[in-house]
Amino acid sequence: MIPLIEALEERLRLAMLYSDTTELSQLLADDLVFTNHLGQRMDKLQELDFHRQRLFLFHSIELEAMQISPIQQAAVVVVTAQISGMFDGEQANGRFSFSRVWVELNGRW
């Protein structure tokens, strides 16, 4: 399962880097709750809108120290990301930590 989750994480990284909303729409759960670097909660539609409007502009996203913990048909990922880019017109460079939960439902992650 770990190689599959690593591949999903890479797809997500690239989709975020290039604001690929088609790929993001497939990867993000409909009931997504995302807390950004400012502590603001966003849902899937807000996340996709930010990318469509180019309010997230990433120059680079480098993942490091990824820890994947499989749990039945799910996996918890804790990762640190070195990010360079812009968020709503402001510089958003730094080292950030994220936690994600990947869940397999009806054959889809």
C-alpha atoms as a PDB file:
ATOM      1  CA  MET A   1       0.000   0.000   0.000  1.00  0.00           C
ATOM      2  CA  ILE A   2       2.841   2.426   0.748  1.00  0.00           C
ATOM      3  CA  PRO A   3       4.012   2.701  -2.907  1.00  0.00           C
ATOM      4  CA  LEU A   4       0.399   3.458  -3.939  1.00  0.00           C
ATOM      5  CA  ILE A   5       0.101   6.243  -1.361  1.00  0.00           C
ATOM      6  CA  GLU A   6       3.487   7.650  -2.409  1.00  0.00           C
ATOM      7  CA  ALA A   7       2.219   7.752  -6.000  1.00  0.00           C
ATOM      8  CA  LEU A   8      -0.991   9.525  -4.903  1.00  0.00           C
ATOM      9  CA  GLU A   9       1.063  12.051  -2.940  1.00  0.00           C
ATOM     10  CA  GLU A  10       3.181  12.739  -6.027  1.00  0.00           C
ATOM     11  CA  ARG A  11       0.062  13.194  -8.175  1.00  0.00           C
ATOM     12  CA  LEU A  12      -1.286  15.625  -5.569  1.00  0.00           C
ATOM     13  CA  ARG A  13       2.021  17.524  -5.399  1.00  0.00           C
ATOM     14  CA  LEU A  14       2.113  17.965  -9.177  1.00  0.00           C
ATOM     15  CA  ALA A  15      -1.566  18.908  -9.369  1.00  0.00           C
ATOM     16  CA  MET A  16      -1.024  21.595  -6.730  1.00  0.00           C
ATOM     17  CA  LEU A  17       2.195  22.820  -8.357  1.00  0.00           C
ATOM     18  CA  TYR A  18       0.514  23.274 -11.752  1.00  0.00           C
ATOM     19  CA  SER A  19      -2.987  24.186 -10.447  1.00  0.00           C
ATOM     20  CA  ASP A  20      -4.392  21.199 -12.324  1.00  0.00           C
ATOM     21  CA  THR A  21      -7.991  21.475 -11.129  1.00  0.00           C
ATOM     22  CA  THR A  22      -9.095  18.393 -13.091  1.00  0.00           C
ATOM     23  CA  GLU A  23      -6.567  16.240 -11.251  1.00  0.00           C
ATOM     24  CA  LEU A  24      -7.229  17.981  -7.936  1.00  0.00           C
ATOM     25  CA  SER A  25     -10.949  17.363  -8.346  1.00  0.00           C
ATOM     26  CA  GLN A  26     -10.263  13.638  -8.723  1.00  0.00           C
ATOM     27  CA  LEU A  27      -7.808  13.439  -5.828  1.00  0.00           C
ATOM     28  CA  LEU A  28      -9.610  15.564  -3.240  1.00  0.00           C
ATOM     29  CA  ALA A  29     -12.541  14.155  -1.321  1.00  0.00           C
ATOM     30  CA  ASP A  30     -15.865  15.915  -1.730  1.00  0.00           C
ATOM     31  CA  ASP A  31     -15.970  16.437   2.058  1.00  0.00           C
ATOM     32  CA  LEU A  32     -12.401  17.787   2.231  1.00  0.00           C
ATOM     33  CA  VAL A  33     -11.527  20.057   5.137  1.00  0.00           C
ATOM     34  CA  PHE A  34      -8.172  21.736   4.521  1.00  0.00           C
ATOM     35  CA  THR A  35      -6.420  24.086   6.931  1.00  0.00           C
ATOM     36  CA  ASN A  36      -4.058  26.393   5.052  1.00  0.00           C
ATOM     37  CA  HIS A  37      -0.852  27.996   6.304  1.00  0.00           C
ATOM     38  CA  LEU A  38      -2.837  30.909   7.763  1.00  0.00           C
ATOM     39  CA  GLY A  39      -5.055  28.619   9.822  1.00  0.00           C
ATOM     40  CA  GLN A  40      -8.080  29.161   7.552  1.00  0.00           C
ATOM     41  CA  ARG A  41     -10.347  26.200   6.879  1.00  0.00           C
ATOM     42  CA  MET A  42     -11.270  25.542   3.278  1.00  0.00           C
ATOM     43  CA  ASP A  43     -13.463  22.968   1.596  1.00  0.00           C
ATOM     44  CA  LYS A  44     -12.937  21.279  -1.764  1.00  0.00           C
ATOM     45  CA  LEU A  45     -14.815  23.915  -3.777  1.00  0.00           C
ATOM     46  CA  GLN A  46     -12.858  26.740  -2.150  1.00  0.00           C
ATOM     47  CA  GLU A  47      -9.573  24.925  -2.776  1.00  0.00           C
ATOM     48  CA  LEU A  48     -10.437  24.380  -6.444  1.00  0.00           C
ATOM     49  CA  ASP A  49     -11.613  27.994  -6.837  1.00  0.00           C
ATOM     50  CA  PHE A  50      -8.337  29.300  -5.411  1.00  0.00           C
ATOM     51  CA  HIS A  51      -6.465  27.292  -8.036  1.00  0.00           C
ATOM     52  CA  ARG A  52      -8.828  28.336 -10.865  1.00  0.00           C
ATOM     53  CA  GLN A  53      -8.443  31.986  -9.914  1.00  0.00           C
ATOM     54  CA  ARG A  54      -4.652  31.514  -9.622  1.00  0.00           C
ATOM     55  CA  LEU A  55      -4.699  32.668  -5.995  1.00  0.00           C
ATOM     56  CA  PHE A  56      -2.387  29.740  -5.229  1.00  0.00           C
ATOM     57  CA  LEU A  57       0.723  30.106  -7.357  1.00  0.00           C
ATOM     58  CA  PHE A  58       3.407  27.601  -6.486  1.00  0.00           C
ATOM     59  CA  HIS A  59       6.946  27.914  -7.812  1.00  0.00           C
ATOM     60  CA  SER A  60       8.103  24.733  -6.085  1.00  0.00           C
ATOM     61  CA  ILE A  61       6.812  22.104  -3.682  1.00  0.00           C
ATOM     62  CA  GLU A  62       9.399  19.703  -2.295  1.00  0.00           C
ATOM     63  CA  LEU A  63       8.163  16.964   0.040  1.00  0.00           C
ATOM     64  CA  GLU A  64      10.428  15.630   2.754  1.00  0.00           C
ATOM     65  CA  ALA A  65      10.215  13.462   5.845  1.00  0.00           C
ATOM     66  CA  MET A  66       7.062  11.696   4.618  1.00  0.00           C
ATOM     67  CA  GLN A  67       5.628   9.177   7.061  1.00  0.00           C
ATOM     68  CA  ILE A  68       2.857   6.852   5.852  1.00  0.00           C
ATOM     69  CA  SER A  69       0.853   4.813   8.345  1.00  0.00           C
ATOM     70  CA  PRO A  70      -1.508   2.293   6.713  1.00  0.00           C
ATOM     71  CA  ILE A  71      -4.695   1.504   8.628  1.00  0.00           C
ATOM     72  CA  GLN A  72      -6.951  -1.075   6.948  1.00  0.00           C
ATOM     73  CA  GLN A  73      -8.346   0.631   3.808  1.00  0.00           C
ATOM     74  CA  ALA A  74      -6.803   3.969   4.707  1.00  0.00           C
ATOM     75  CA  ALA A  75      -3.460   5.627   5.279  1.00  0.00           C
ATOM     76  CA  VAL A  76      -2.417   8.601   7.367  1.00  0.00           C
ATOM     77  CA  VAL A  77       0.324  10.715   5.816  1.00  0.00           C
ATOM     78  CA  VAL A  78       2.396  13.212   7.750  1.00  0.00           C
ATOM     79  CA  VAL A  79       4.772  15.191   5.575  1.00  0.00           C
ATOM     80  CA  THR A  80       6.871  18.320   5.618  1.00  0.00           C
ATOM     81  CA  ALA A  81       6.911  20.468   2.484  1.00  0.00           C
ATOM     82  CA  GLN A  82       9.335  23.156   1.458  1.00  0.00           C
ATOM     83  CA  ILE A  83       7.114  25.529  -0.524  1.00  0.00           C
ATOM     84  CA  SER A  84       7.913  28.570  -2.602  1.00  0.00           C
ATOM     85  CA  GLY A  85       5.056  30.557  -4.061  1.00  0.00           C
ATOM     86  CA  MET A  86       2.279  33.063  -3.641  1.00  0.00           C
ATOM     87  CA  PHE A  87      -1.018  32.910  -1.763  1.00  0.00           C
ATOM     88  CA  ASP A  88      -3.568  35.564  -2.676  1.00  0.00           C
ATOM     89  CA  GLY A  89      -0.841  37.957  -3.829  1.00  0.00           C
ATOM     90  CA  GLU A  90       1.422  37.477  -0.800  1.00  0.00           C
ATOM     91  CA  GLN A  91       4.653  35.530  -0.585  1.00  0.00           C
ATOM     92  CA  ALA A  92       4.045  32.110   0.971  1.00  0.00           C
ATOM     93  CA  ASN A  93       7.501  30.630   1.212  1.00  0.00           C
ATOM     94  CA  GLY A  94       8.461  28.303   3.989  1.00  0.00           C
ATOM     95  CA  ARG A  95       8.558  24.882   5.483  1.00  0.00           C
ATOM     96  CA  PHE A  96       5.080  23.569   6.309  1.00  0.00           C
ATOM     97  CA  SER A  97       3.770  20.360   7.843  1.00  0.00           C
ATOM     98  CA  PHE A  98       0.665  18.620   6.593  1.00  0.00           C
ATOM     99  CA  SER A  99      -1.398  15.641   7.684  1.00  0.00           C
ATOM    100  CA  ARG A 100      -3.596  13.856   5.191  1.00  0.00           C
ATOM    101  CA  VAL A 101      -5.842  10.831   5.337  1.00  0.00           C
ATOM    102  CA  TRP A 102      -6.266   8.729   2.193  1.00  0.00           C
ATOM    103  CA  VAL A 103      -9.298   6.418   2.274  1.00  0.00           C
ATOM    104  CA  GLU A 104     -10.255   3.761  -0.242  1.00  0.00           C
ATOM    105  CA  LEU A 105     -13.985   3.766  -0.975  1.00  0.00           C
ATOM    106  CA  ASN A 106     -15.519   1.666  -3.729  1.00  0.00           C
ATOM    107  CA  GLY A 107     -12.132   1.038  -5.297  1.00  0.00           C
ATOM    108  CA  ARG A 108     -11.104   4.718  -5.363  1.00  0.00           C
ATOM    109  CA  TRP A 109      -8.660   6.535  -3.138  1.00  0.00           C
END
